[in-house]
Amino acid sequence: MDKLIAIQYLIKRTCCKVRLKVYHEDLATEWRGGFGLPVKGYIEVVGPERIEDVEWIELDPIVVTHIGRLMPPEVTVITDEIVQTLYKEVINYKIVRGIVRIYGQQLQ
């Protein structure tokens, strides 16, 4: 399976947040609930970016599920599930301050 499609499926399945940083920007995008692959060679979190310009993609392993106004949110840490999926798909990653970072070079 294509690495980006595997990551996209992982995000959809686990409901984790994602952001990315491109080389020509100083800051990463805001955290979002997923990303799109609008056309070959492009990825879209906030706006379309060329995959070759992606420095890294980060996955937030802390999933917060809002239950209702009177109930506290449910917080789940899914680091192990993310790591197992990345290992299975042969996607290299690093844990940076508790966030799973996937460097862009391997996604091209």
C-alpha atoms as a PDB file:
ATOM      1  CA  MET A   1       0.000   0.000   0.000  1.00  0.00           C
ATOM      2  CA  ASP A   2       1.242   3.525  -0.775  1.00  0.00           C
ATOM      3  CA  LYS A   3       2.675   5.116   2.386  1.00  0.00           C
ATOM      4  CA  LEU A   4       0.509   8.237   2.189  1.00  0.00           C
ATOM      5  CA  ILE A   5      -2.634   6.181   1.716  1.00  0.00           C
ATOM      6  CA  ALA A   6      -1.639   4.012   4.701  1.00  0.00           C
ATOM      7  CA  ILE A   7      -1.143   7.142   6.842  1.00  0.00           C
ATOM      8  CA  GLN A   8      -4.446   8.590   5.600  1.00  0.00           C
ATOM      9  CA  TYR A   9      -6.266   5.375   6.509  1.00  0.00           C
ATOM     10  CA  LEU A  10      -4.563   5.312   9.943  1.00  0.00           C
ATOM     11  CA  ILE A  11      -5.737   8.864  10.680  1.00  0.00           C
ATOM     12  CA  LYS A  12      -9.282   8.084   9.585  1.00  0.00           C
ATOM     13  CA  ARG A  13      -9.394   4.864  11.632  1.00  0.00           C
ATOM     14  CA  THR A  14      -7.951   6.344  14.842  1.00  0.00           C
ATOM     15  CA  CYS A  15      -9.359   9.895  14.638  1.00  0.00           C
ATOM     16  CA  CYS A  16      -5.946  11.353  15.500  1.00  0.00           C
ATOM     17  CA  LYS A  17      -5.026  14.878  14.417  1.00  0.00           C
ATOM     18  CA  VAL A  18      -2.424  15.624  11.750  1.00  0.00           C
ATOM     19  CA  ARG A  19      -0.325  18.579  10.671  1.00  0.00           C
ATOM     20  CA  LEU A  20       2.549  19.046   8.274  1.00  0.00           C
ATOM     21  CA  LYS A  21       5.439  21.382   7.644  1.00  0.00           C
ATOM     22  CA  VAL A  22       6.767  22.298   4.238  1.00  0.00           C
ATOM     23  CA  TYR A  23      10.317  23.468   3.609  1.00  0.00           C
ATOM     24  CA  HIS A  24       9.408  26.977   2.401  1.00  0.00           C
ATOM     25  CA  GLU A  25       7.257  27.842   5.461  1.00  0.00           C
ATOM     26  CA  ASP A  26       8.508  28.753   8.942  1.00  0.00           C
ATOM     27  CA  LEU A  27       5.557  27.197  10.772  1.00  0.00           C
ATOM     28  CA  ALA A  28       3.617  23.960  10.508  1.00  0.00           C
ATOM     29  CA  THR A  29      -0.069  23.913   9.575  1.00  0.00           C
ATOM     30  CA  GLU A  30      -2.755  23.832  12.235  1.00  0.00           C
ATOM     31  CA  TRP A  31      -3.831  20.453  13.583  1.00  0.00           C
ATOM     32  CA  ARG A  32      -6.567  18.924  11.408  1.00  0.00           C
ATOM     33  CA  GLY A  33      -8.652  15.773  11.398  1.00  0.00           C
ATOM     34  CA  GLY A  34      -7.107  14.366   8.229  1.00  0.00           C
ATOM     35  CA  PHE A  35      -5.587  15.166   4.872  1.00  0.00           C
ATOM     36  CA  GLY A  36      -6.488  14.761   1.256  1.00  0.00           C
ATOM     37  CA  LEU A  37      -4.596  13.598  -1.796  1.00  0.00           C
ATOM     38  CA  PRO A  38      -6.265  15.793  -4.442  1.00  0.00           C
ATOM     39  CA  VAL A  39      -4.026  14.799  -7.369  1.00  0.00           C
ATOM     40  CA  LYS A  40      -0.894  12.715  -7.829  1.00  0.00           C
ATOM     41  CA  GLY A  41       2.095  14.369  -6.182  1.00  0.00           C
ATOM     42  CA  TYR A  42       0.100  16.641  -3.868  1.00  0.00           C
ATOM     43  CA  ILE A  43      -1.112  16.489  -0.268  1.00  0.00           C
ATOM     44  CA  GLU A  44      -3.669  18.794   1.328  1.00  0.00           C
ATOM     45  CA  VAL A  45      -4.082  19.539   5.039  1.00  0.00           C
ATOM     46  CA  VAL A  46      -4.964  23.240   4.834  1.00  0.00           C
ATOM     47  CA  GLY A  47      -4.105  23.873   1.185  1.00  0.00           C
ATOM     48  CA  PRO A  48      -2.500  21.756  -1.529  1.00  0.00           C
ATOM     49  CA  GLU A  49       1.270  21.270  -1.206  1.00  0.00           C
ATOM     50  CA  ARG A  50       3.641  19.287  -3.373  1.00  0.00           C
ATOM     51  CA  ILE A  51       4.654  16.091  -1.598  1.00  0.00           C
ATOM     52  CA  GLU A  52       8.317  16.786  -2.429  1.00  0.00           C
ATOM     53  CA  ASP A  53       8.030  20.053  -0.419  1.00  0.00           C
ATOM     54  CA  VAL A  54       6.862  18.277   2.765  1.00  0.00           C
ATOM     55  CA  GLU A  55       9.535  18.353   5.472  1.00  0.00           C
ATOM     56  CA  TRP A  56       7.480  16.247   7.890  1.00  0.00           C
ATOM     57  CA  ILE A  57       4.011  15.082   8.876  1.00  0.00           C
ATOM     58  CA  GLU A  58       3.101  14.812  12.560  1.00  0.00           C
ATOM     59  CA  LEU A  59       0.391  12.681  14.150  1.00  0.00           C
ATOM     60  CA  ASP A  60      -0.977  13.594  17.579  1.00  0.00           C
ATOM     61  CA  PRO A  61      -1.464  10.326  19.493  1.00  0.00           C
ATOM     62  CA  ILE A  62      -3.769  11.936  22.066  1.00  0.00           C
ATOM     63  CA  VAL A  63      -7.364  11.608  20.864  1.00  0.00           C
ATOM     64  CA  VAL A  64      -9.986  13.673  22.692  1.00  0.00           C
ATOM     65  CA  THR A  65     -13.589  12.561  22.214  1.00  0.00           C
ATOM     66  CA  HIS A  66     -16.254  15.022  23.336  1.00  0.00           C
ATOM     67  CA  ILE A  67     -19.195  13.117  24.812  1.00  0.00           C
ATOM     68  CA  GLY A  68     -21.501  15.952  25.791  1.00  0.00           C
ATOM     69  CA  ARG A  69     -21.713  19.222  27.655  1.00  0.00           C
ATOM     70  CA  LEU A  70     -22.160  17.610  31.062  1.00  0.00           C
ATOM     71  CA  MET A  71     -19.604  14.835  30.634  1.00  0.00           C
ATOM     72  CA  PRO A  72     -15.844  15.298  30.622  1.00  0.00           C
ATOM     73  CA  PRO A  73     -14.164  14.419  27.319  1.00  0.00           C
ATOM     74  CA  GLU A  74     -12.714  10.953  26.876  1.00  0.00           C
ATOM     75  CA  VAL A  75      -8.929  11.064  26.353  1.00  0.00           C
ATOM     76  CA  THR A  76      -7.192   8.118  24.691  1.00  0.00           C
ATOM     77  CA  VAL A  77      -3.477   7.750  23.942  1.00  0.00           C
ATOM     78  CA  ILE A  78      -2.979   5.712  20.765  1.00  0.00           C
ATOM     79  CA  THR A  79       0.810   5.880  20.362  1.00  0.00           C
ATOM     80  CA  ASP A  80       1.152   2.078  20.311  1.00  0.00           C
ATOM     81  CA  GLU A  81      -1.494   1.681  17.599  1.00  0.00           C
ATOM     82  CA  ILE A  82       0.163   4.353  15.435  1.00  0.00           C
ATOM     83  CA  VAL A  83       3.633   2.840  15.901  1.00  0.00           C
ATOM     84  CA  GLN A  84       2.407  -0.690  15.101  1.00  0.00           C
ATOM     85  CA  THR A  85       0.752   0.495  11.886  1.00  0.00           C
ATOM     86  CA  LEU A  86       3.811   2.481  10.785  1.00  0.00           C
ATOM     87  CA  TYR A  87       6.058  -0.511  11.511  1.00  0.00           C
ATOM     88  CA  LYS A  88       3.760  -2.811   9.521  1.00  0.00           C
ATOM     89  CA  GLU A  89       3.759  -0.388   6.555  1.00  0.00           C
ATOM     90  CA  VAL A  90       7.579   0.113   6.819  1.00  0.00           C
ATOM     91  CA  ILE A  91       7.238   3.842   7.485  1.00  0.00           C
ATOM     92  CA  ASN A  92      10.080   5.354   9.513  1.00  0.00           C
ATOM     93  CA  TYR A  93       9.145   7.790  12.283  1.00  0.00           C
ATOM     94  CA  LYS A  94      10.461   9.544  15.383  1.00  0.00           C
ATOM     95  CA  ILE A  95       8.705  10.485  18.600  1.00  0.00           C
ATOM     96  CA  VAL A  96       9.278  14.226  19.139  1.00  0.00           C
ATOM     97  CA  ARG A  97       7.896  15.610  22.419  1.00  0.00           C
ATOM     98  CA  GLY A  98       5.233  12.878  22.454  1.00  0.00           C
ATOM     99  CA  ILE A  99       4.181  13.483  18.833  1.00  0.00           C
ATOM    100  CA  VAL A 100       4.805  10.946  16.044  1.00  0.00           C
ATOM    101  CA  ARG A 101       6.846  12.599  13.260  1.00  0.00           C
ATOM    102  CA  ILE A 102       7.205  11.107   9.774  1.00  0.00           C
ATOM    103  CA  TYR A 103       9.821  12.769   7.569  1.00  0.00           C
ATOM    104  CA  GLY A 104       8.754  13.693   4.058  1.00  0.00           C
ATOM    105  CA  GLN A 105      11.671  12.230   2.060  1.00  0.00           C
ATOM    106  CA  GLN A 106      10.257   8.711   2.353  1.00  0.00           C
ATOM    107  CA  LEU A 107       6.822   9.771   1.088  1.00  0.00           C
ATOM    108  CA  GLN A 108       7.911  10.698  -2.440  1.00  0.00           C
END
